[in-house]
Amino acid sequence: MWPALWMLGQNFSTVSWPYCGEIDIMEMVGGNGLENRTVGTAHWNNGGVYESNGTTKKPYAPVSYGDNYSLSGTETLANAFHIFGLTWTPDSITWYIDGVQYHSMAIDSSASLSAFQKDFFLIFNVAVGGDWPGSPDANTVFPQRMLVDYVRVFQQN
């Protein structure tokens, strides 16, 4: 299972991923003893060249920059509600869980990081399988759910 609270650039439908940018506020991949770990990551295009159909070339070089935070002891993310936070300014993106900062990334208006100077939209989902968690197997428990108590968005004046 792969629950996540994340954002994509509002221009996703016109420029596609990774050009639009992506900010993962919270991702959690269950199983294998990882039920106590959350991950916060940013993804964007950093130039480079991707060759498509052997003739058409587009700049394409996805970059991922992130970190993870693990709860202590036997606590898991499913044992209680947790507050996942993100502070996003023109200069940085900072990730929090339960008020504890665990990751920060400097951003600027350079061409490679310009996606993070534009509008984004929120996505909440629980994916079943994928490249990161792998496919469900006989040990995967169904049904699954992700409970969200509230969402707050603040904008600095």
N, C-alpha and C. Protein backbone atom coordinates (compact mmCIF):
# COMPACT_ATOMS: atom_id res chain seq x y z
N MET A 1 0.85 -1.18 0.00
CA MET A 1 0.00 0.00 0.00
C MET A 1 0.89 1.23 0.00
N TRP A 2 0.36 2.34 -0.55
CA TRP A 2 1.17 3.52 -0.74
C TRP A 2 0.32 4.78 -0.53
N PRO A 3 -0.06 5.08 0.73
CA PRO A 3 -0.83 6.30 0.97
C PRO A 3 0.05 7.53 0.84
N ALA A 4 -0.56 8.61 0.34
CA ALA A 4 0.23 9.82 0.13
C ALA A 4 -0.64 11.07 0.15
N LEU A 5 -0.06 12.15 0.65
CA LEU A 5 -0.60 13.50 0.55
C LEU A 5 0.44 14.26 -0.25
N TRP A 6 0.07 14.74 -1.42
CA TRP A 6 1.07 15.34 -2.28
C TRP A 6 0.48 16.42 -3.16
N MET A 7 1.35 17.10 -3.90
CA MET A 7 0.92 18.20 -4.76
C MET A 7 1.63 18.12 -6.10
N LEU A 8 0.90 18.54 -7.14
CA LEU A 8 1.48 18.69 -8.48
C LEU A 8 1.31 20.13 -8.91
N GLY A 9 2.20 20.57 -9.79
CA GLY A 9 2.08 21.91 -10.34
C GLY A 9 0.77 22.06 -11.10
N GLN A 10 0.12 23.20 -10.93
CA GLN A 10 -1.17 23.48 -11.58
C GLN A 10 -1.06 23.35 -13.10
N ASN A 11 0.11 23.56 -13.65
CA ASN A 11 0.31 23.47 -15.10
C ASN A 11 0.60 22.05 -15.59
N PHE A 12 0.30 21.06 -14.78
CA PHE A 12 0.56 19.66 -15.13
C PHE A 12 -0.02 19.26 -16.49
N SER A 13 -1.24 19.69 -16.78
CA SER A 13 -1.89 19.25 -18.02
C SER A 13 -1.26 19.86 -19.27
N THR A 14 -0.50 20.93 -19.12
CA THR A 14 0.12 21.55 -20.29
C THR A 14 1.62 21.23 -20.41
N VAL A 15 2.32 21.05 -19.30
CA VAL A 15 3.76 20.80 -19.39
C VAL A 15 4.16 19.39 -18.98
N SER A 16 3.30 18.65 -18.30
CA SER A 16 3.51 17.28 -17.84
C SER A 16 4.54 17.20 -16.70
N TRP A 17 4.68 15.98 -16.19
CA TRP A 17 5.63 15.71 -15.11
C TRP A 17 6.95 15.32 -15.75
N PRO A 18 8.07 15.73 -15.27
CA PRO A 18 8.38 16.43 -14.03
C PRO A 18 8.46 17.95 -14.16
N TYR A 19 8.15 18.47 -15.37
CA TYR A 19 8.27 19.92 -15.60
C TYR A 19 7.39 20.73 -14.65
N CYS A 20 6.23 20.19 -14.27
CA CYS A 20 5.30 20.91 -13.40
C CYS A 20 5.76 20.93 -11.95
N GLY A 21 6.66 20.03 -11.57
CA GLY A 21 7.09 19.89 -10.19
C GLY A 21 6.13 19.04 -9.39
N GLU A 22 6.63 18.43 -8.34
CA GLU A 22 5.83 17.60 -7.43
C GLU A 22 6.41 17.77 -6.03
N ILE A 23 5.52 17.93 -5.06
CA ILE A 23 5.93 17.99 -3.67
C ILE A 23 5.15 16.93 -2.91
N ASP A 24 5.85 15.94 -2.38
CA ASP A 24 5.22 14.89 -1.57
C ASP A 24 5.27 15.33 -0.12
N ILE A 25 4.12 15.70 0.42
CA ILE A 25 4.04 16.13 1.81
C ILE A 25 4.24 14.93 2.73
N MET A 26 3.60 13.82 2.36
CA MET A 26 3.71 12.58 3.13
C MET A 26 3.51 11.41 2.19
N GLU A 27 4.44 10.48 2.23
CA GLU A 27 4.27 9.19 1.57
C GLU A 27 4.64 8.13 2.59
N MET A 28 3.92 7.03 2.54
CA MET A 28 4.22 5.93 3.46
C MET A 28 4.06 4.63 2.69
N VAL A 29 5.09 3.83 2.72
CA VAL A 29 5.02 2.52 2.10
C VAL A 29 4.96 1.49 3.21
N GLY A 30 3.84 0.81 3.32
CA GLY A 30 3.67 -0.16 4.40
C GLY A 30 4.38 -1.47 4.14
N GLY A 31 4.40 -2.29 5.17
CA GLY A 31 5.04 -3.60 5.07
C GLY A 31 6.52 -3.54 5.36
N ASN A 32 7.11 -4.69 5.53
CA ASN A 32 8.55 -4.81 5.75
C ASN A 32 9.06 -3.97 6.91
N GLY A 33 8.22 -3.76 7.93
CA GLY A 33 8.63 -3.01 9.10
C GLY A 33 8.74 -1.51 8.89
N LEU A 34 8.17 -1.00 7.80
CA LEU A 34 8.27 0.44 7.49
C LEU A 34 7.03 1.22 7.89
N GLU A 35 6.15 0.63 8.67
CA GLU A 35 4.89 1.27 9.04
C GLU A 35 5.07 2.48 9.95
N ASN A 36 6.29 2.74 10.38
CA ASN A 36 6.55 3.89 11.26
C ASN A 36 7.28 5.01 10.52
N ARG A 37 7.41 4.93 9.21
CA ARG A 37 8.23 5.88 8.44
C ARG A 37 7.40 6.68 7.45
N THR A 38 7.62 7.99 7.44
CA THR A 38 7.04 8.87 6.43
C THR A 38 8.16 9.48 5.61
N VAL A 39 7.85 9.80 4.38
CA VAL A 39 8.84 10.35 3.46
C VAL A 39 8.31 11.64 2.87
N GLY A 40 9.15 12.66 2.80
CA GLY A 40 8.82 13.93 2.15
C GLY A 40 9.82 14.19 1.05
N THR A 41 9.32 14.47 -0.16
CA THR A 41 10.21 14.58 -1.32
C THR A 41 9.73 15.65 -2.28
N ALA A 42 10.64 16.25 -3.00
CA ALA A 42 10.31 17.13 -4.12
C ALA A 42 10.89 16.51 -5.39
N HIS A 43 10.15 16.64 -6.48
CA HIS A 43 10.59 16.13 -7.79
C HIS A 43 10.46 17.26 -8.80
N TRP A 44 11.41 17.36 -9.72
CA TRP A 44 11.35 18.39 -10.76
C TRP A 44 12.27 18.00 -11.90
N ASN A 45 12.19 18.76 -12.99
CA ASN A 45 13.08 18.55 -14.13
C ASN A 45 14.31 19.42 -13.95
N ASN A 46 15.47 18.86 -14.22
CA ASN A 46 16.72 19.59 -14.03
C ASN A 46 17.51 19.67 -15.34
N GLY A 47 16.82 19.93 -16.44
CA GLY A 47 17.51 20.01 -17.73
C GLY A 47 17.75 18.62 -18.29
N GLY A 48 18.81 18.46 -19.01
CA GLY A 48 19.12 17.15 -19.59
C GLY A 48 18.32 16.93 -20.86
N VAL A 49 18.52 15.78 -21.48
CA VAL A 49 17.86 15.47 -22.74
C VAL A 49 17.26 14.08 -22.67
N TYR A 50 16.02 13.98 -23.10
CA TYR A 50 15.33 12.69 -23.21
C TYR A 50 14.99 12.49 -24.67
N GLU A 51 15.35 11.39 -25.25
CA GLU A 51 15.09 11.14 -26.65
C GLU A 51 13.85 10.28 -26.79
N SER A 52 12.91 10.75 -27.58
CA SER A 52 11.65 10.04 -27.79
C SER A 52 11.51 9.71 -29.28
N ASN A 53 11.13 8.50 -29.60
CA ASN A 53 10.94 8.04 -30.98
C ASN A 53 12.19 8.16 -31.84
N GLY A 54 13.35 8.30 -31.20
CA GLY A 54 14.59 8.36 -31.94
C GLY A 54 14.87 9.68 -32.63
N THR A 55 13.89 10.58 -32.72
CA THR A 55 14.11 11.84 -33.42
C THR A 55 13.74 13.07 -32.60
N THR A 56 12.65 13.03 -31.89
CA THR A 56 12.21 14.19 -31.12
C THR A 56 12.91 14.22 -29.77
N LYS A 57 13.51 15.36 -29.45
CA LYS A 57 14.21 15.49 -28.18
C LYS A 57 13.54 16.57 -27.34
N LYS A 58 13.36 16.26 -26.07
CA LYS A 58 12.79 17.20 -25.12
C LYS A 58 13.70 17.24 -23.90
N PRO A 59 13.85 18.43 -23.26
CA PRO A 59 14.60 18.46 -22.00
C PRO A 59 13.89 17.60 -20.97
N TYR A 60 14.60 16.69 -20.37
CA TYR A 60 13.98 15.80 -19.40
C TYR A 60 15.06 15.20 -18.53
N ALA A 61 15.04 15.53 -17.27
CA ALA A 61 15.99 14.96 -16.32
C ALA A 61 15.35 15.06 -14.93
N PRO A 62 14.48 14.10 -14.57
CA PRO A 62 13.82 14.21 -13.28
C PRO A 62 14.81 14.11 -12.13
N VAL A 63 14.59 14.97 -11.15
CA VAL A 63 15.42 14.99 -9.95
C VAL A 63 14.50 14.76 -8.75
N SER A 64 14.94 13.98 -7.81
CA SER A 64 14.20 13.77 -6.56
C SER A 64 15.10 14.14 -5.41
N TYR A 65 14.55 14.90 -4.46
CA TYR A 65 15.32 15.29 -3.29
C TYR A 65 14.40 15.15 -2.09
N GLY A 66 14.74 14.27 -1.16
CA GLY A 66 13.87 14.06 -0.02
C GLY A 66 14.57 13.40 1.14
N ASP A 67 13.78 13.14 2.17
CA ASP A 67 14.29 12.49 3.37
C ASP A 67 13.11 11.80 4.04
N ASN A 68 13.41 11.02 5.06
CA ASN A 68 12.34 10.32 5.77
C ASN A 68 12.49 10.53 7.26
N TYR A 69 11.39 10.24 7.95
CA TYR A 69 11.35 10.35 9.41
C TYR A 69 10.67 9.11 9.95
N SER A 70 11.27 8.49 10.96
CA SER A 70 10.69 7.30 11.57
C SER A 70 10.24 7.59 12.99
N LEU A 71 9.03 7.14 13.32
CA LEU A 71 8.52 7.25 14.68
C LEU A 71 9.34 6.33 15.57
N SER A 72 9.35 6.60 16.85
CA SER A 72 10.17 5.81 17.76
C SER A 72 9.45 4.55 18.24
N GLY A 73 10.24 3.60 18.68
CA GLY A 73 9.72 2.38 19.29
C GLY A 73 8.84 1.58 18.37
N THR A 74 7.72 1.09 18.91
CA THR A 74 6.81 0.25 18.13
C THR A 74 5.65 1.05 17.55
N GLU A 75 5.68 2.37 17.72
CA GLU A 75 4.60 3.22 17.19
C GLU A 75 4.60 3.15 15.66
N THR A 76 3.39 3.09 15.08
CA THR A 76 3.26 3.14 13.63
C THR A 76 2.40 4.33 13.26
N LEU A 77 2.42 4.69 12.00
CA LEU A 77 1.60 5.81 11.54
C LEU A 77 0.12 5.51 11.66
N ALA A 78 -0.26 4.25 11.74
CA ALA A 78 -1.67 3.87 11.85
C ALA A 78 -2.18 3.87 13.29
N ASN A 79 -1.29 3.98 14.29
CA ASN A 79 -1.72 3.93 15.69
C ASN A 79 -2.46 5.16 16.16
N ALA A 80 -2.24 6.30 15.50
CA ALA A 80 -2.84 7.56 15.93
C ALA A 80 -2.82 8.55 14.77
N PHE A 81 -3.59 9.62 14.92
CA PHE A 81 -3.51 10.69 13.93
C PHE A 81 -2.17 11.40 14.07
N HIS A 82 -1.64 11.86 12.95
CA HIS A 82 -0.39 12.61 12.94
C HIS A 82 -0.60 13.86 12.11
N ILE A 83 0.15 14.89 12.43
CA ILE A 83 0.06 16.15 11.70
C ILE A 83 1.25 16.24 10.76
N PHE A 84 0.96 16.20 9.48
CA PHE A 84 1.99 16.33 8.45
C PHE A 84 1.97 17.77 7.99
N GLY A 85 3.11 18.44 8.05
CA GLY A 85 3.17 19.85 7.71
C GLY A 85 4.20 20.14 6.66
N LEU A 86 3.96 21.25 5.98
CA LEU A 86 4.88 21.71 4.95
C LEU A 86 4.87 23.23 4.99
N THR A 87 6.04 23.82 5.10
CA THR A 87 6.17 25.26 4.97
C THR A 87 6.87 25.51 3.65
N TRP A 88 6.22 26.30 2.79
CA TRP A 88 6.73 26.52 1.44
C TRP A 88 6.82 28.02 1.22
N THR A 89 8.02 28.52 1.09
CA THR A 89 8.26 29.94 0.85
C THR A 89 8.97 30.09 -0.49
N PRO A 90 9.18 31.30 -0.98
CA PRO A 90 9.93 31.46 -2.23
C PRO A 90 11.38 30.95 -2.14
N ASP A 91 11.86 30.75 -0.90
CA ASP A 91 13.26 30.35 -0.71
C ASP A 91 13.47 28.91 -0.25
N SER A 92 12.41 28.26 0.27
CA SER A 92 12.61 26.91 0.81
C SER A 92 11.31 26.14 0.93
N ILE A 93 11.46 24.83 1.03
CA ILE A 93 10.37 23.92 1.36
C ILE A 93 10.85 23.12 2.56
N THR A 94 10.02 23.07 3.62
CA THR A 94 10.41 22.37 4.85
C THR A 94 9.29 21.42 5.25
N TRP A 95 9.66 20.19 5.59
CA TRP A 95 8.72 19.14 5.94
C TRP A 95 8.71 18.91 7.45
N TYR A 96 7.51 18.60 8.00
CA TYR A 96 7.33 18.35 9.43
C TYR A 96 6.41 17.15 9.62
N ILE A 97 6.59 16.47 10.74
CA ILE A 97 5.59 15.53 11.25
C ILE A 97 5.43 15.81 12.73
N ASP A 98 4.19 16.00 13.14
CA ASP A 98 3.87 16.30 14.54
C ASP A 98 4.72 17.44 15.09
N GLY A 99 4.95 18.46 14.28
CA GLY A 99 5.70 19.63 14.69
C GLY A 99 7.20 19.49 14.65
N VAL A 100 7.71 18.31 14.27
CA VAL A 100 9.16 18.08 14.22
C VAL A 100 9.63 18.22 12.77
N GLN A 101 10.54 19.16 12.53
CA GLN A 101 11.11 19.33 11.20
C GLN A 101 12.07 18.17 10.92
N TYR A 102 11.90 17.53 9.76
CA TYR A 102 12.82 16.45 9.43
C TYR A 102 13.50 16.61 8.07
N HIS A 103 13.12 17.65 7.33
CA HIS A 103 13.76 17.83 6.03
C HIS A 103 13.54 19.26 5.56
N SER A 104 14.50 19.81 4.83
CA SER A 104 14.35 21.14 4.26
C SER A 104 15.13 21.20 2.96
N MET A 105 14.63 22.00 2.04
CA MET A 105 15.24 22.12 0.72
C MET A 105 15.23 23.58 0.31
N ALA A 106 16.37 24.10 -0.11
CA ALA A 106 16.44 25.46 -0.62
C ALA A 106 15.91 25.49 -2.05
N ILE A 107 15.12 26.51 -2.36
CA ILE A 107 14.63 26.70 -3.73
C ILE A 107 14.89 28.15 -4.12
N ASP A 108 14.90 28.38 -5.42
CA ASP A 108 15.05 29.74 -5.94
C ASP A 108 14.29 29.83 -7.26
N SER A 109 14.45 30.91 -7.98
CA SER A 109 13.72 31.10 -9.23
C SER A 109 14.54 30.70 -10.44
N SER A 110 15.60 29.92 -10.23
CA SER A 110 16.41 29.44 -11.36
C SER A 110 15.55 28.57 -12.28
N ALA A 111 16.01 28.38 -13.49
CA ALA A 111 15.24 27.61 -14.47
C ALA A 111 14.90 26.22 -13.96
N SER A 112 15.85 25.56 -13.30
CA SER A 112 15.59 24.18 -12.87
C SER A 112 14.59 24.10 -11.72
N LEU A 113 14.52 25.13 -10.88
CA LEU A 113 13.61 25.11 -9.73
C LEU A 113 12.39 26.01 -9.91
N SER A 114 12.20 26.56 -11.09
CA SER A 114 11.11 27.51 -11.31
C SER A 114 9.73 26.90 -11.10
N ALA A 115 9.60 25.59 -11.22
CA ALA A 115 8.29 24.96 -10.98
C ALA A 115 7.79 25.26 -9.58
N PHE A 116 8.70 25.43 -8.62
CA PHE A 116 8.30 25.65 -7.23
C PHE A 116 7.97 27.11 -6.93
N GLN A 117 7.95 27.93 -7.96
CA GLN A 117 7.51 29.33 -7.82
C GLN A 117 6.13 29.52 -8.42
N LYS A 118 5.45 28.41 -8.76
CA LYS A 118 4.13 28.46 -9.39
C LYS A 118 3.09 27.79 -8.48
N ASP A 119 1.82 27.86 -8.89
CA ASP A 119 0.73 27.27 -8.12
C ASP A 119 0.71 25.75 -8.24
N PHE A 120 0.28 25.09 -7.16
CA PHE A 120 0.15 23.63 -7.10
C PHE A 120 -1.26 23.28 -6.64
N PHE A 121 -1.66 22.01 -6.84
CA PHE A 121 -2.92 21.51 -6.30
C PHE A 121 -2.66 20.26 -5.47
N LEU A 122 -3.55 20.00 -4.49
CA LEU A 122 -3.40 18.87 -3.56
C LEU A 122 -3.99 17.60 -4.13
N ILE A 123 -3.36 16.47 -3.80
CA ILE A 123 -3.85 15.13 -4.14
C ILE A 123 -3.71 14.26 -2.91
N PHE A 124 -4.76 13.55 -2.56
CA PHE A 124 -4.72 12.58 -1.46
C PHE A 124 -5.07 11.24 -2.10
N ASN A 125 -4.24 10.24 -1.91
CA ASN A 125 -4.57 8.94 -2.49
C ASN A 125 -3.94 7.79 -1.72
N VAL A 126 -4.51 6.62 -1.92
CA VAL A 126 -3.92 5.37 -1.44
C VAL A 126 -3.73 4.49 -2.67
N ALA A 127 -2.50 4.36 -3.09
CA ALA A 127 -2.19 3.53 -4.25
C ALA A 127 -2.02 2.08 -3.81
N VAL A 128 -2.41 1.19 -4.68
CA VAL A 128 -2.22 -0.24 -4.45
C VAL A 128 -1.12 -0.69 -5.40
N GLY A 129 0.06 -0.93 -4.85
CA GLY A 129 1.20 -1.31 -5.66
C GLY A 129 1.84 -0.11 -6.33
N GLY A 130 2.82 -0.37 -7.15
CA GLY A 130 3.57 0.68 -7.84
C GLY A 130 5.04 0.36 -7.82
N ASP A 131 5.83 1.20 -8.48
CA ASP A 131 7.28 0.96 -8.57
C ASP A 131 7.94 0.89 -7.21
N TRP A 132 7.52 1.76 -6.30
CA TRP A 132 8.19 1.81 -5.00
C TRP A 132 7.76 0.67 -4.09
N PRO A 133 6.46 0.50 -3.80
CA PRO A 133 6.11 -0.57 -2.87
C PRO A 133 6.11 -1.95 -3.49
N GLY A 134 6.04 -2.02 -4.80
CA GLY A 134 5.92 -3.31 -5.46
C GLY A 134 4.46 -3.75 -5.51
N SER A 135 4.22 -4.91 -6.07
CA SER A 135 2.85 -5.40 -6.24
C SER A 135 2.32 -6.01 -4.95
N PRO A 136 1.00 -5.94 -4.75
CA PRO A 136 0.39 -6.62 -3.60
C PRO A 136 0.66 -8.12 -3.69
N ASP A 137 0.69 -8.77 -2.53
CA ASP A 137 0.88 -10.22 -2.52
C ASP A 137 -0.06 -10.84 -1.49
N ALA A 138 0.15 -12.08 -1.16
CA ALA A 138 -0.74 -12.79 -0.23
C ALA A 138 -0.73 -12.17 1.17
N ASN A 139 0.29 -11.40 1.51
CA ASN A 139 0.38 -10.76 2.83
C ASN A 139 -0.29 -9.39 2.88
N THR A 140 -0.72 -8.86 1.73
CA THR A 140 -1.35 -7.54 1.68
C THR A 140 -2.76 -7.64 2.28
N VAL A 141 -3.04 -6.76 3.21
CA VAL A 141 -4.33 -6.77 3.90
C VAL A 141 -5.29 -5.80 3.21
N PHE A 142 -6.50 -6.29 2.92
CA PHE A 142 -7.58 -5.45 2.38
C PHE A 142 -8.78 -5.59 3.28
N PRO A 143 -9.64 -4.62 3.40
CA PRO A 143 -9.54 -3.30 2.78
C PRO A 143 -8.53 -2.42 3.51
N GLN A 144 -8.12 -1.35 2.86
CA GLN A 144 -7.22 -0.35 3.41
C GLN A 144 -7.92 1.00 3.38
N ARG A 145 -7.44 1.92 4.22
CA ARG A 145 -8.00 3.26 4.21
C ARG A 145 -6.98 4.25 4.74
N MET A 146 -7.19 5.50 4.40
CA MET A 146 -6.38 6.59 4.91
C MET A 146 -7.37 7.60 5.49
N LEU A 147 -7.28 7.84 6.79
CA LEU A 147 -8.20 8.76 7.45
C LEU A 147 -7.55 10.14 7.54
N VAL A 148 -8.28 11.15 7.10
CA VAL A 148 -7.81 12.53 7.17
C VAL A 148 -8.81 13.30 8.01
N ASP A 149 -8.35 13.85 9.12
CA ASP A 149 -9.23 14.60 10.02
C ASP A 149 -9.47 16.01 9.51
N TYR A 150 -8.44 16.68 9.05
CA TYR A 150 -8.60 18.04 8.54
C TYR A 150 -7.43 18.42 7.65
N VAL A 151 -7.66 19.45 6.86
CA VAL A 151 -6.62 20.04 6.03
C VAL A 151 -6.68 21.54 6.25
N ARG A 152 -5.54 22.14 6.49
CA ARG A 152 -5.46 23.59 6.65
C ARG A 152 -4.38 24.12 5.71
N VAL A 153 -4.71 25.20 5.06
CA VAL A 153 -3.75 25.88 4.19
C VAL A 153 -3.69 27.32 4.62
N PHE A 154 -2.52 27.81 4.88
CA PHE A 154 -2.30 29.20 5.28
C PHE A 154 -1.43 29.87 4.25
N GLN A 155 -1.67 31.15 4.03
CA GLN A 155 -0.83 31.91 3.12
C GLN A 155 -0.28 33.11 3.86
N GLN A 156 1.02 33.29 3.77
CA GLN A 156 1.67 34.40 4.42
C GLN A 156 1.40 35.68 3.65
N ASN A 157 1.11 36.77 4.36
CA ASN A 157 0.86 38.05 3.68
C ASN A 157 2.15 38.61 3.10
